[in-house]
Amino acid sequence: MKYRKLGNSELYVSEISLGSWGINEGVEDNNAKACIYKALELGINFIDTSNSYAAGAAESFLGDVLQGIDRSSYLLGTKVFFPTSPTDKGLSAPQIRKQIDASLTRLRTDYVDLYQCHRYDPETPLEETMMALTEVVRQGKARYIGFSEWTPAQIQSACELTGVEHFVSSQPQYSMLWRDPEAEVFPLCQANSISQIVWSPLAQGVLTGKYQAGNVPPPNSRAANEKMNWYLLDNLFSDRILTAVEKLKPIAQGLGLSMAQLALAWVLQSEYVSSAIIGASRPKQIVDNVAASDISLPTDVLKAIDQVLISVVHT
């Protein structure tokens, strides 16, 4: 496993990190626990979660599983914004204070390494949000702060504030198929010493090649899980996309790689990316995915990928 510096922080994150969105949603507890242990064994040192995943159950699960493991041996990131009750949502100062304490209780830790705004809150003044996050850091409840899916204008506004802690990470969707952040978000963040920890680098499993155009999704796959397939079916599960992805298979085979390894290695070619968040339901997926950390794709391969996907890439 290789590690990259996270923005203007002292953190070095594994190039492959582990997400927890599927815990208590589509991944059985025993499998989720085995995946976490395998990830740590193989050098993954960053685990990403949110107070909204499974209504807090994902954090609680991680808190239980990570007990007894040296806290300094891994990095823990969680997020805040989405509703956790009819009255609890957003990035107001009272909510941030309440939610960080609730997250720490569920995670059974005194601090998180990264506290992230899961989205931008248009109903709360940015200054209020940033001051509250600054309070969280200066109280020792979080070491650093980040955000997910903010627009360039929102990012710039936060960077211009004075007297507050500044973001060290951005968490956008990014993959071979979804390249929106490349044009503006990536260069703006780099100019402000903010690194990318990207989500959905496998495009919700589409880039693993498991789905075939015109066919019903395999049982036990994300696309077949009603709790987890809403985003996939709405954005990535079209015959046009699946047909294009099928043409990546000879490229992967020619390199001796799995489709997942090819997709993750592609994401990690970017100088802007510090880590790619994976999800897994079985430890063998972790083993396969982690191997992407040591893969460098030649220029001709990158060009071949672009030629195959040019008609379906979202930019």
C-alpha atoms as a PDB file:
ATOM      1  CA  MET A   1       0.000   0.000   0.000  1.00  0.00           C
ATOM      2  CA  LYS A   2       1.207   3.477  -0.864  1.00  0.00           C
ATOM      3  CA  TYR A   3       0.259   6.626   1.025  1.00  0.00           C
ATOM      4  CA  ARG A   4      -0.279  10.237  -0.024  1.00  0.00           C
ATOM      5  CA  LYS A   5      -0.302  13.467   1.941  1.00  0.00           C
ATOM      6  CA  LEU A   6      -3.757  14.884   2.576  1.00  0.00           C
ATOM      7  CA  GLY A   7      -3.802  18.548   1.620  1.00  0.00           C
ATOM      8  CA  ASN A   8      -2.249  20.974   4.069  1.00  0.00           C
ATOM      9  CA  SER A   9      -2.339  18.496   6.935  1.00  0.00           C
ATOM     10  CA  GLU A  10       0.012  16.129   8.684  1.00  0.00           C
ATOM     11  CA  LEU A  11      -2.053  13.136   7.580  1.00  0.00           C
ATOM     12  CA  TYR A  12      -0.869  10.524   5.110  1.00  0.00           C
ATOM     13  CA  VAL A  13      -3.759   8.451   3.806  1.00  0.00           C
ATOM     14  CA  SER A  14      -3.657   5.106   2.063  1.00  0.00           C
ATOM     15  CA  GLU A  15      -4.300   5.371  -1.672  1.00  0.00           C
ATOM     16  CA  ILE A  16      -7.205   2.984  -1.170  1.00  0.00           C
ATOM     17  CA  SER A  17      -9.554   3.779   1.718  1.00  0.00           C
ATOM     18  CA  LEU A  18     -12.618   1.992   3.065  1.00  0.00           C
ATOM     19  CA  GLY A  19     -16.134   3.379   3.026  1.00  0.00           C
ATOM     20  CA  SER A  20     -18.989   2.253   5.253  1.00  0.00           C
ATOM     21  CA  TRP A  21     -22.124   3.241   3.353  1.00  0.00           C
ATOM     22  CA  GLY A  22     -23.234  -0.384   2.937  1.00  0.00           C
ATOM     23  CA  ILE A  23     -23.048  -1.296   6.626  1.00  0.00           C
ATOM     24  CA  ASN A  24     -26.514  -2.145   7.948  1.00  0.00           C
ATOM     25  CA  GLU A  25     -27.905  -1.464   4.479  1.00  0.00           C
ATOM     26  CA  GLY A  26     -26.727  -4.248   2.194  1.00  0.00           C
ATOM     27  CA  VAL A  27     -23.675  -5.842   3.796  1.00  0.00           C
ATOM     28  CA  GLU A  28     -24.100  -8.466   6.521  1.00  0.00           C
ATOM     29  CA  ASP A  29     -22.408  -7.666   9.830  1.00  0.00           C
ATOM     30  CA  ASN A  30     -19.981 -10.603   9.738  1.00  0.00           C
ATOM     31  CA  ASN A  31     -18.863  -9.730   6.242  1.00  0.00           C
ATOM     32  CA  ALA A  32     -18.543  -6.042   7.108  1.00  0.00           C
ATOM     33  CA  LYS A  33     -16.396  -6.886  10.126  1.00  0.00           C
ATOM     34  CA  ALA A  34     -14.188  -9.205   8.061  1.00  0.00           C
ATOM     35  CA  CYS A  35     -13.761  -6.487   5.435  1.00  0.00           C
ATOM     36  CA  ILE A  36     -12.637  -3.956   8.020  1.00  0.00           C
ATOM     37  CA  TYR A  37     -10.065  -6.330   9.494  1.00  0.00           C
ATOM     38  CA  LYS A  38      -8.781  -7.310   6.051  1.00  0.00           C
ATOM     39  CA  ALA A  39      -8.510  -3.659   5.036  1.00  0.00           C
ATOM     40  CA  LEU A  40      -6.424  -2.799   8.094  1.00  0.00           C
ATOM     41  CA  GLU A  41      -4.282  -5.908   7.580  1.00  0.00           C
ATOM     42  CA  LEU A  42      -3.488  -4.865   4.017  1.00  0.00           C
ATOM     43  CA  GLY A  43      -2.489  -1.316   4.900  1.00  0.00           C
ATOM     44  CA  ILE A  44      -5.688   0.677   4.436  1.00  0.00           C
ATOM     45  CA  ASN A  45      -5.449   3.325   7.142  1.00  0.00           C
ATOM     46  CA  PHE A  46      -8.426   5.597   6.374  1.00  0.00           C
ATOM     47  CA  ILE A  47     -12.022   4.619   7.114  1.00  0.00           C
ATOM     48  CA  ASP A  48     -14.801   6.935   5.973  1.00  0.00           C
ATOM     49  CA  THR A  49     -18.306   7.069   7.423  1.00  0.00           C
ATOM     50  CA  SER A  50     -21.156   9.505   8.131  1.00  0.00           C
ATOM     51  CA  ASN A  51     -23.636  10.238  10.878  1.00  0.00           C
ATOM     52  CA  SER A  52     -26.389   9.596   8.313  1.00  0.00           C
ATOM     53  CA  TYR A  53     -25.289   6.158   7.105  1.00  0.00           C
ATOM     54  CA  ALA A  54     -27.937   3.700   8.293  1.00  0.00           C
ATOM     55  CA  ALA A  55     -29.208   6.461  10.619  1.00  0.00           C
ATOM     56  CA  GLY A  56     -26.021   6.324  12.679  1.00  0.00           C
ATOM     57  CA  ALA A  57     -25.776   2.539  12.796  1.00  0.00           C
ATOM     58  CA  ALA A  58     -22.686   2.528  10.557  1.00  0.00           C
ATOM     59  CA  GLU A  59     -20.814   4.681  13.062  1.00  0.00           C
ATOM     60  CA  SER A  60     -21.945   2.475  15.940  1.00  0.00           C
ATOM     61  CA  PHE A  61     -20.820  -0.632  14.087  1.00  0.00           C
ATOM     62  CA  LEU A  62     -17.390   0.853  13.424  1.00  0.00           C
ATOM     63  CA  GLY A  63     -17.127   1.933  17.043  1.00  0.00           C
ATOM     64  CA  ASP A  64     -17.682  -1.648  18.162  1.00  0.00           C
ATOM     65  CA  VAL A  65     -15.435  -3.304  15.582  1.00  0.00           C
ATOM     66  CA  LEU A  66     -12.506  -0.926  16.093  1.00  0.00           C
ATOM     67  CA  GLN A  67     -12.422  -1.321  19.873  1.00  0.00           C
ATOM     68  CA  GLY A  68      -9.132  -2.837  20.961  1.00  0.00           C
ATOM     69  CA  ILE A  69      -7.292  -1.645  17.857  1.00  0.00           C
ATOM     70  CA  ASP A  70      -4.598   0.989  18.451  1.00  0.00           C
ATOM     71  CA  ARG A  71      -6.347   4.287  17.668  1.00  0.00           C
ATOM     72  CA  SER A  72      -3.138   5.772  16.278  1.00  0.00           C
ATOM     73  CA  SER A  73      -2.898   2.991  13.682  1.00  0.00           C
ATOM     74  CA  TYR A  74      -5.810   4.213  11.567  1.00  0.00           C
ATOM     75  CA  LEU A  75      -7.496   7.431  10.479  1.00  0.00           C
ATOM     76  CA  LEU A  76     -11.208   7.956  10.929  1.00  0.00           C
ATOM     77  CA  GLY A  77     -13.369  10.385   9.012  1.00  0.00           C
ATOM     78  CA  THR A  78     -17.064  11.088   9.412  1.00  0.00           C
ATOM     79  CA  LYS A  79     -19.497  13.583   7.947  1.00  0.00           C
ATOM     80  CA  VAL A  80     -22.396  15.845   8.895  1.00  0.00           C
ATOM     81  CA  PHE A  81     -25.294  17.453   7.013  1.00  0.00           C
ATOM     82  CA  PHE A  82     -28.005  14.980   6.046  1.00  0.00           C
ATOM     83  CA  PRO A  83     -31.002  14.455   8.355  1.00  0.00           C
ATOM     84  CA  THR A  84     -30.639  12.087  11.284  1.00  0.00           C
ATOM     85  CA  SER A  85     -34.124  12.938  12.606  1.00  0.00           C
ATOM     86  CA  PRO A  86     -37.000  15.191  11.547  1.00  0.00           C
ATOM     87  CA  THR A  87     -35.359  18.089  13.382  1.00  0.00           C
ATOM     88  CA  ASP A  88     -31.661  17.273  13.038  1.00  0.00           C
ATOM     89  CA  LYS A  89     -30.013  18.277   9.772  1.00  0.00           C
ATOM     90  CA  GLY A  90     -27.752  20.867   8.184  1.00  0.00           C
ATOM     91  CA  LEU A  91     -24.613  22.734   9.204  1.00  0.00           C
ATOM     92  CA  SER A  92     -25.789  25.272  11.777  1.00  0.00           C
ATOM     93  CA  ALA A  93     -23.542  25.769  14.789  1.00  0.00           C
ATOM     94  CA  PRO A  94     -25.963  23.988  17.178  1.00  0.00           C
ATOM     95  CA  GLN A  95     -26.221  21.039  14.784  1.00  0.00           C
ATOM     96  CA  ILE A  96     -22.473  20.717  14.317  1.00  0.00           C
ATOM     97  CA  ARG A  97     -21.929  20.790  18.076  1.00  0.00           C
ATOM     98  CA  LYS A  98     -24.652  18.209  18.643  1.00  0.00           C
ATOM     99  CA  GLN A  99     -23.682  15.924  15.783  1.00  0.00           C
ATOM    100  CA  ILE A 100     -19.950  15.784  16.451  1.00  0.00           C
ATOM    101  CA  ASP A 101     -20.625  14.685  20.020  1.00  0.00           C
ATOM    102  CA  ALA A 102     -23.157  12.088  18.860  1.00  0.00           C
ATOM    103  CA  SER A 103     -20.723  10.764  16.253  1.00  0.00           C
ATOM    104  CA  LEU A 104     -17.881  10.484  18.767  1.00  0.00           C
ATOM    105  CA  THR A 105     -20.161   8.615  21.147  1.00  0.00           C
ATOM    106  CA  ARG A 106     -21.212   6.129  18.470  1.00  0.00           C
ATOM    107  CA  LEU A 107     -17.649   5.734  17.199  1.00  0.00           C
ATOM    108  CA  ARG A 108     -16.409   5.273  20.778  1.00  0.00           C
ATOM    109  CA  THR A 109     -13.489   7.627  20.295  1.00  0.00           C
ATOM    110  CA  ASP A 110     -12.386  11.018  21.599  1.00  0.00           C
ATOM    111  CA  TYR A 111     -11.720  12.479  18.166  1.00  0.00           C
ATOM    112  CA  VAL A 112     -11.995  11.940  14.439  1.00  0.00           C
ATOM    113  CA  ASP A 113      -9.121  12.684  12.130  1.00  0.00           C
ATOM    114  CA  LEU A 114     -11.341  14.301   9.520  1.00  0.00           C
ATOM    115  CA  TYR A 115     -14.746  15.949  10.000  1.00  0.00           C
ATOM    116  CA  GLN A 116     -16.472  16.640   6.701  1.00  0.00           C
ATOM    117  CA  CYS A 117     -19.466  18.646   5.554  1.00  0.00           C
ATOM    118  CA  HIS A 118     -21.446  16.047   3.625  1.00  0.00           C
ATOM    119  CA  ARG A 119     -22.927  18.793   1.441  1.00  0.00           C
ATOM    120  CA  TYR A 120     -23.203  22.596   1.491  1.00  0.00           C
ATOM    121  CA  ASP A 121     -25.968  24.076   3.646  1.00  0.00           C
ATOM    122  CA  PRO A 122     -27.621  27.011   1.851  1.00  0.00           C
ATOM    123  CA  GLU A 123     -29.807  27.695   4.882  1.00  0.00           C
ATOM    124  CA  THR A 124     -26.882  28.473   7.202  1.00  0.00           C
ATOM    125  CA  PRO A 125     -24.407  31.348   6.750  1.00  0.00           C
ATOM    126  CA  LEU A 126     -21.041  29.965   5.694  1.00  0.00           C
ATOM    127  CA  GLU A 127     -19.311  31.958   8.430  1.00  0.00           C
ATOM    128  CA  GLU A 128     -21.431  30.222  11.077  1.00  0.00           C
ATOM    129  CA  THR A 129     -20.589  26.797   9.707  1.00  0.00           C
ATOM    130  CA  MET A 130     -16.867  27.503   9.483  1.00  0.00           C
ATOM    131  CA  MET A 131     -16.695  28.970  12.990  1.00  0.00           C
ATOM    132  CA  ALA A 132     -18.471  25.911  14.373  1.00  0.00           C
ATOM    133  CA  LEU A 133     -16.071  23.590  12.561  1.00  0.00           C
ATOM    134  CA  THR A 134     -13.175  25.648  13.868  1.00  0.00           C
ATOM    135  CA  GLU A 135     -14.522  25.184  17.382  1.00  0.00           C
ATOM    136  CA  VAL A 136     -14.667  21.414  16.826  1.00  0.00           C
ATOM    137  CA  VAL A 137     -11.008  21.344  15.768  1.00  0.00           C
ATOM    138  CA  ARG A 138      -9.771  23.616  18.531  1.00  0.00           C
ATOM    139  CA  GLN A 139     -11.599  21.558  21.133  1.00  0.00           C
ATOM    140  CA  GLY A 140      -9.694  18.496  19.915  1.00  0.00           C
ATOM    141  CA  LYS A 141     -12.765  16.670  18.638  1.00  0.00           C
ATOM    142  CA  ALA A 142     -11.465  16.647  15.063  1.00  0.00           C
ATOM    143  CA  ARG A 143      -7.948  17.055  13.763  1.00  0.00           C
ATOM    144  CA  TYR A 144      -8.907  18.462  10.356  1.00  0.00           C
ATOM    145  CA  ILE A 145     -11.967  19.392   8.317  1.00  0.00           C
ATOM    146  CA  GLY A 146     -13.166  18.685   4.800  1.00  0.00           C
ATOM    147  CA  PHE A 147     -16.220  18.850   2.560  1.00  0.00           C
ATOM    148  CA  SER A 148     -18.044  16.758  -0.013  1.00  0.00           C
ATOM    149  CA  GLU A 149     -19.633  17.920  -3.273  1.00  0.00           C
ATOM    150  CA  TRP A 150     -19.273  21.686  -2.874  1.00  0.00           C
ATOM    151  CA  THR A 151     -19.305  23.942  -5.920  1.00  0.00           C
ATOM    152  CA  PRO A 152     -16.236  25.964  -6.921  1.00  0.00           C
ATOM    153  CA  ALA A 153     -17.914  29.173  -5.706  1.00  0.00           C
ATOM    154  CA  GLN A 154     -18.683  27.612  -2.309  1.00  0.00           C
ATOM    155  CA  ILE A 155     -15.141  26.301  -1.988  1.00  0.00           C
ATOM    156  CA  GLN A 156     -13.652  29.674  -2.899  1.00  0.00           C
ATOM    157  CA  SER A 157     -15.836  31.485  -0.368  1.00  0.00           C
ATOM    158  CA  ALA A 158     -14.700  29.172   2.416  1.00  0.00           C
ATOM    159  CA  CYS A 159     -11.055  29.574   1.452  1.00  0.00           C
ATOM    160  CA  GLU A 160     -11.343  33.360   1.630  1.00  0.00           C
ATOM    161  CA  LEU A 161     -12.558  33.421   5.234  1.00  0.00           C
ATOM    162  CA  THR A 162     -10.043  34.451   7.875  1.00  0.00           C
ATOM    163  CA  GLY A 163      -9.732  33.451  11.499  1.00  0.00           C
ATOM    164  CA  VAL A 164     -11.057  29.942  10.867  1.00  0.00           C
ATOM    165  CA  GLU A 165      -9.675  26.469  10.278  1.00  0.00           C
ATOM    166  CA  HIS A 166      -9.367  25.678   6.591  1.00  0.00           C
ATOM    167  CA  PHE A 167     -10.337  22.588   4.664  1.00  0.00           C
ATOM    168  CA  VAL A 168      -7.712  19.972   3.815  1.00  0.00           C
ATOM    169  CA  SER A 169      -9.913  17.599   1.817  1.00  0.00           C
ATOM    170  CA  SER A 170     -12.656  17.435  -0.770  1.00  0.00           C
ATOM    171  CA  GLN A 171     -14.770  14.333  -1.355  1.00  0.00           C
ATOM    172  CA  PRO A 172     -16.280  14.384  -4.841  1.00  0.00           C
ATOM    173  CA  GLN A 173     -17.658  11.628  -6.994  1.00  0.00           C
ATOM    174  CA  TYR A 174     -14.921  10.692  -9.480  1.00  0.00           C
ATOM    175  CA  SER A 175     -14.319   7.795 -11.815  1.00  0.00           C
ATOM    176  CA  MET A 176     -13.552   6.947 -15.434  1.00  0.00           C
ATOM    177  CA  LEU A 177     -17.226   7.592 -16.107  1.00  0.00           C
ATOM    178  CA  TRP A 178     -17.746  10.661 -13.889  1.00  0.00           C
ATOM    179  CA  ARG A 179     -15.138  13.356 -14.426  1.00  0.00           C
ATOM    180  CA  ASP A 180     -17.017  16.507 -13.427  1.00  0.00           C
ATOM    181  CA  PRO A 181     -14.468  17.690 -10.814  1.00  0.00           C
ATOM    182  CA  GLU A 182     -11.566  17.806 -13.264  1.00  0.00           C
ATOM    183  CA  ALA A 183     -12.418  21.133 -14.896  1.00  0.00           C
ATOM    184  CA  GLU A 184     -12.772  23.419 -11.874  1.00  0.00           C
ATOM    185  CA  VAL A 185     -12.879  21.669  -8.498  1.00  0.00           C
ATOM    186  CA  PHE A 186      -9.536  19.867  -8.784  1.00  0.00           C
ATOM    187  CA  PRO A 187      -7.394  22.863  -9.809  1.00  0.00           C
ATOM    188  CA  LEU A 188      -9.152  25.212  -7.365  1.00  0.00           C
ATOM    189  CA  CYS A 189      -8.560  22.784  -4.523  1.00  0.00           C
ATOM    190  CA  GLN A 190      -4.935  22.266  -5.471  1.00  0.00           C
ATOM    191  CA  ALA A 191      -4.391  26.027  -5.408  1.00  0.00           C
ATOM    192  CA  ASN A 192      -5.692  26.005  -1.835  1.00  0.00           C
ATOM    193  CA  SER A 193      -3.803  22.900  -0.632  1.00  0.00           C
ATOM    194  CA  ILE A 194      -6.925  20.731  -0.572  1.00  0.00           C
ATOM    195  CA  SER A 195      -6.650  17.074  -1.619  1.00  0.00           C
ATOM    196  CA  GLN A 196      -9.291  14.784  -3.077  1.00  0.00           C
ATOM    197  CA  ILE A 197     -10.650  11.674  -1.375  1.00  0.00           C
ATOM    198  CA  VAL A 198     -12.957  10.413  -4.098  1.00  0.00           C
ATOM    199  CA  TRP A 199     -16.137   8.389  -3.745  1.00  0.00           C
ATOM    200  CA  SER A 200     -17.575   5.892  -6.211  1.00  0.00           C
ATOM    201  CA  PRO A 201     -14.304   5.291  -8.112  1.00  0.00           C
ATOM    202  CA  LEU A 202     -15.887   2.074  -9.419  1.00  0.00           C
ATOM    203  CA  ALA A 203     -19.063   3.908 -10.475  1.00  0.00           C
ATOM    204  CA  GLN A 204     -21.221   1.978  -7.998  1.00  0.00           C
ATOM    205  CA  GLY A 205     -19.763  -1.302  -9.297  1.00  0.00           C
ATOM    206  CA  VAL A 206     -20.438  -0.610 -12.981  1.00  0.00           C
ATOM    207  CA  LEU A 207     -16.703  -0.438 -13.728  1.00  0.00           C
ATOM    208  CA  THR A 208     -16.122  -3.911 -12.270  1.00  0.00           C
ATOM    209  CA  GLY A 209     -17.843  -5.322 -15.359  1.00  0.00           C
ATOM    210  CA  LYS A 210     -20.343  -7.343 -13.353  1.00  0.00           C
ATOM    211  CA  TYR A 211     -23.368  -5.830 -15.113  1.00  0.00           C
ATOM    212  CA  GLN A 212     -24.302  -6.711 -18.683  1.00  0.00           C
ATOM    213  CA  ALA A 213     -26.421  -4.613 -21.039  1.00  0.00           C
ATOM    214  CA  GLY A 214     -29.917  -6.034 -21.346  1.00  0.00           C
ATOM    215  CA  ASN A 215     -29.477  -8.449 -18.435  1.00  0.00           C
ATOM    216  CA  VAL A 216     -30.991  -8.483 -14.965  1.00  0.00           C
ATOM    217  CA  PRO A 217     -28.436  -7.509 -12.266  1.00  0.00           C
ATOM    218  CA  PRO A 218     -26.838 -10.489 -10.498  1.00  0.00           C
ATOM    219  CA  PRO A 219     -28.395 -11.460  -7.146  1.00  0.00           C
ATOM    220  CA  ASN A 220     -26.643  -9.917  -4.132  1.00  0.00           C
ATOM    221  CA  SER A 221     -25.205  -7.118  -6.282  1.00  0.00           C
ATOM    222  CA  ARG A 222     -25.682  -3.444  -5.440  1.00  0.00           C
ATOM    223  CA  ALA A 223     -27.960  -2.972  -8.443  1.00  0.00           C
ATOM    224  CA  ALA A 224     -30.252  -5.702  -7.121  1.00  0.00           C
ATOM    225  CA  ASN A 225     -30.398  -4.224  -3.601  1.00  0.00           C
ATOM    226  CA  GLU A 226     -33.368  -1.875  -3.201  1.00  0.00           C
ATOM    227  CA  LYS A 227     -31.699  -0.136  -0.247  1.00  0.00           C
ATOM    228  CA  MET A 228     -28.566   0.720  -2.210  1.00  0.00           C
ATOM    229  CA  ASN A 229     -29.410   0.875  -5.922  1.00  0.00           C
ATOM    230  CA  TRP A 230     -31.287   4.165  -6.193  1.00  0.00           C
ATOM    231  CA  TYR A 231     -28.299   6.227  -7.317  1.00  0.00           C
ATOM    232  CA  LEU A 232     -26.898   3.532  -9.563  1.00  0.00           C
ATOM    233  CA  LEU A 233     -30.137   2.944 -11.437  1.00  0.00           C
ATOM    234  CA  ASP A 234     -30.799   6.657 -11.892  1.00  0.00           C
ATOM    235  CA  ASN A 235     -27.374   7.666 -13.173  1.00  0.00           C
ATOM    236  CA  LEU A 236     -25.166   4.812 -14.373  1.00  0.00           C
ATOM    237  CA  PHE A 237     -27.252   1.777 -15.236  1.00  0.00           C
ATOM    238  CA  SER A 238     -27.983   2.247 -18.927  1.00  0.00           C
ATOM    239  CA  ASP A 239     -27.334  -0.150 -21.796  1.00  0.00           C
ATOM    240  CA  ARG A 240     -25.278   2.567 -23.477  1.00  0.00           C
ATOM    241  CA  ILE A 241     -22.903   2.849 -20.525  1.00  0.00           C
ATOM    242  CA  LEU A 242     -22.752  -0.885 -19.862  1.00  0.00           C
ATOM    243  CA  THR A 243     -21.931  -1.592 -23.509  1.00  0.00           C
ATOM    244  CA  ALA A 244     -19.073   0.901 -23.431  1.00  0.00           C
ATOM    245  CA  VAL A 245     -17.705  -0.507 -20.160  1.00  0.00           C
ATOM    246  CA  GLU A 246     -17.714  -3.991 -21.687  1.00  0.00           C
ATOM    247  CA  LYS A 247     -15.089  -2.731 -24.144  1.00  0.00           C
ATOM    248  CA  LEU A 248     -12.716  -2.052 -21.249  1.00  0.00           C
ATOM    249  CA  LYS A 249     -12.372  -5.764 -20.520  1.00  0.00           C
ATOM    250  CA  PRO A 250      -9.759  -6.473 -23.224  1.00  0.00           C
ATOM    251  CA  ILE A 251      -7.705  -3.523 -21.928  1.00  0.00           C
ATOM    252  CA  ALA A 252      -7.757  -4.892 -18.382  1.00  0.00           C
ATOM    253  CA  GLN A 253      -7.025  -8.426 -19.544  1.00  0.00           C
ATOM    254  CA  GLY A 254      -4.093  -7.226 -21.630  1.00  0.00           C
ATOM    255  CA  LEU A 255      -2.542  -5.755 -18.486  1.00  0.00           C
ATOM    256  CA  GLY A 256      -3.352  -8.761 -16.324  1.00  0.00           C
ATOM    257  CA  LEU A 257      -5.664  -6.670 -14.182  1.00  0.00           C
ATOM    258  CA  SER A 258      -9.186  -7.061 -12.905  1.00  0.00           C
ATOM    259  CA  MET A 259     -11.659  -4.450 -14.088  1.00  0.00           C
ATOM    260  CA  ALA A 260     -11.767  -2.988 -10.581  1.00  0.00           C
ATOM    261  CA  GLN A 261      -7.986  -2.672 -10.472  1.00  0.00           C
ATOM    262  CA  LEU A 262      -7.990  -0.895 -13.831  1.00  0.00           C
ATOM    263  CA  ALA A 263     -10.645   1.579 -12.667  1.00  0.00           C
ATOM    264  CA  LEU A 264      -8.928   2.310  -9.358  1.00  0.00           C
ATOM    265  CA  ALA A 265      -5.501   2.637 -10.951  1.00  0.00           C
ATOM    266  CA  TRP A 266      -7.012   5.116 -13.416  1.00  0.00           C
ATOM    267  CA  VAL A 267      -8.325   7.293 -10.571  1.00  0.00           C
ATOM    268  CA  LEU A 268      -4.981   7.154  -8.785  1.00  0.00           C
ATOM    269  CA  GLN A 269      -3.136   8.447 -11.861  1.00  0.00           C
ATOM    270  CA  SER A 270      -4.475  11.888 -10.931  1.00  0.00           C
ATOM    271  CA  GLU A 271      -2.062  14.123  -9.044  1.00  0.00           C
ATOM    272  CA  TYR A 272      -5.060  15.692  -7.329  1.00  0.00           C
ATOM    273  CA  VAL A 273      -6.285  12.463  -5.721  1.00  0.00           C
ATOM    274  CA  SER A 274      -4.960  11.321  -2.348  1.00  0.00           C
ATOM    275  CA  SER A 275      -7.263   8.342  -1.884  1.00  0.00           C
ATOM    276  CA  ALA A 276     -10.092   6.406  -3.525  1.00  0.00           C
ATOM    277  CA  ILE A 277     -12.874   5.152  -1.261  1.00  0.00           C
ATOM    278  CA  ILE A 278     -14.008   1.598  -1.942  1.00  0.00           C
ATOM    279  CA  GLY A 279     -16.955  -0.333  -0.594  1.00  0.00           C
ATOM    280  CA  ALA A 280     -16.844  -4.087  -0.151  1.00  0.00           C
ATOM    281  CA  SER A 281     -19.119  -6.905   0.903  1.00  0.00           C
ATOM    282  CA  ARG A 282     -16.426  -9.595   0.953  1.00  0.00           C
ATOM    283  CA  PRO A 283     -12.764  -9.564   2.048  1.00  0.00           C
ATOM    284  CA  LYS A 284     -11.596 -10.894  -1.333  1.00  0.00           C
ATOM    285  CA  GLN A 285     -12.824  -7.637  -2.901  1.00  0.00           C
ATOM    286  CA  ILE A 286     -10.534  -5.742  -0.541  1.00  0.00           C
ATOM    287  CA  VAL A 287      -7.586  -7.903  -1.589  1.00  0.00           C
ATOM    288  CA  ASP A 288      -8.309  -7.265  -5.262  1.00  0.00           C
ATOM    289  CA  ASN A 289      -8.858  -3.517  -4.857  1.00  0.00           C
ATOM    290  CA  VAL A 290      -5.779  -2.887  -2.711  1.00  0.00           C
ATOM    291  CA  ALA A 291      -3.542  -4.207  -5.485  1.00  0.00           C
ATOM    292  CA  ALA A 292      -4.419  -1.108  -7.530  1.00  0.00           C
ATOM    293  CA  SER A 293      -2.209   0.989  -5.250  1.00  0.00           C
ATOM    294  CA  ASP A 294       0.915  -0.330  -6.960  1.00  0.00           C
ATOM    295  CA  ILE A 295      -0.218  -0.005 -10.586  1.00  0.00           C
ATOM    296  CA  SER A 296       0.919   2.645 -13.051  1.00  0.00           C
ATOM    297  CA  LEU A 297      -0.996   2.863 -16.317  1.00  0.00           C
ATOM    298  CA  PRO A 298       0.985   3.704 -19.487  1.00  0.00           C
ATOM    299  CA  THR A 299      -0.057   6.699 -21.571  1.00  0.00           C
ATOM    300  CA  ASP A 300      -1.285   4.502 -24.413  1.00  0.00           C
ATOM    301  CA  VAL A 301      -3.597   2.665 -22.025  1.00  0.00           C
ATOM    302  CA  LEU A 302      -5.031   5.925 -20.720  1.00  0.00           C
ATOM    303  CA  LYS A 303      -5.697   7.012 -24.293  1.00  0.00           C
ATOM    304  CA  ALA A 304      -7.338   3.681 -25.099  1.00  0.00           C
ATOM    305  CA  ILE A 305      -9.642   4.048 -22.085  1.00  0.00           C
ATOM    306  CA  ASP A 306     -10.655   7.527 -23.200  1.00  0.00           C
ATOM    307  CA  GLN A 307     -11.419   6.302 -26.710  1.00  0.00           C
ATOM    308  CA  VAL A 308     -13.656   3.529 -25.384  1.00  0.00           C
ATOM    309  CA  LEU A 309     -15.581   5.762 -22.996  1.00  0.00           C
ATOM    310  CA  ILE A 310     -15.652   9.074 -24.879  1.00  0.00           C
ATOM    311  CA  SER A 311     -19.350   8.846 -25.709  1.00  0.00           C
ATOM    312  CA  VAL A 312     -20.514   8.079 -22.155  1.00  0.00           C
ATOM    313  CA  VAL A 313     -18.178  10.082 -19.900  1.00  0.00           C
ATOM    314  CA  HIS A 314     -19.937  12.646 -17.706  1.00  0.00           C
ATOM    315  CA  THR A 315     -17.955  15.890 -17.556  1.00  0.00           C
END
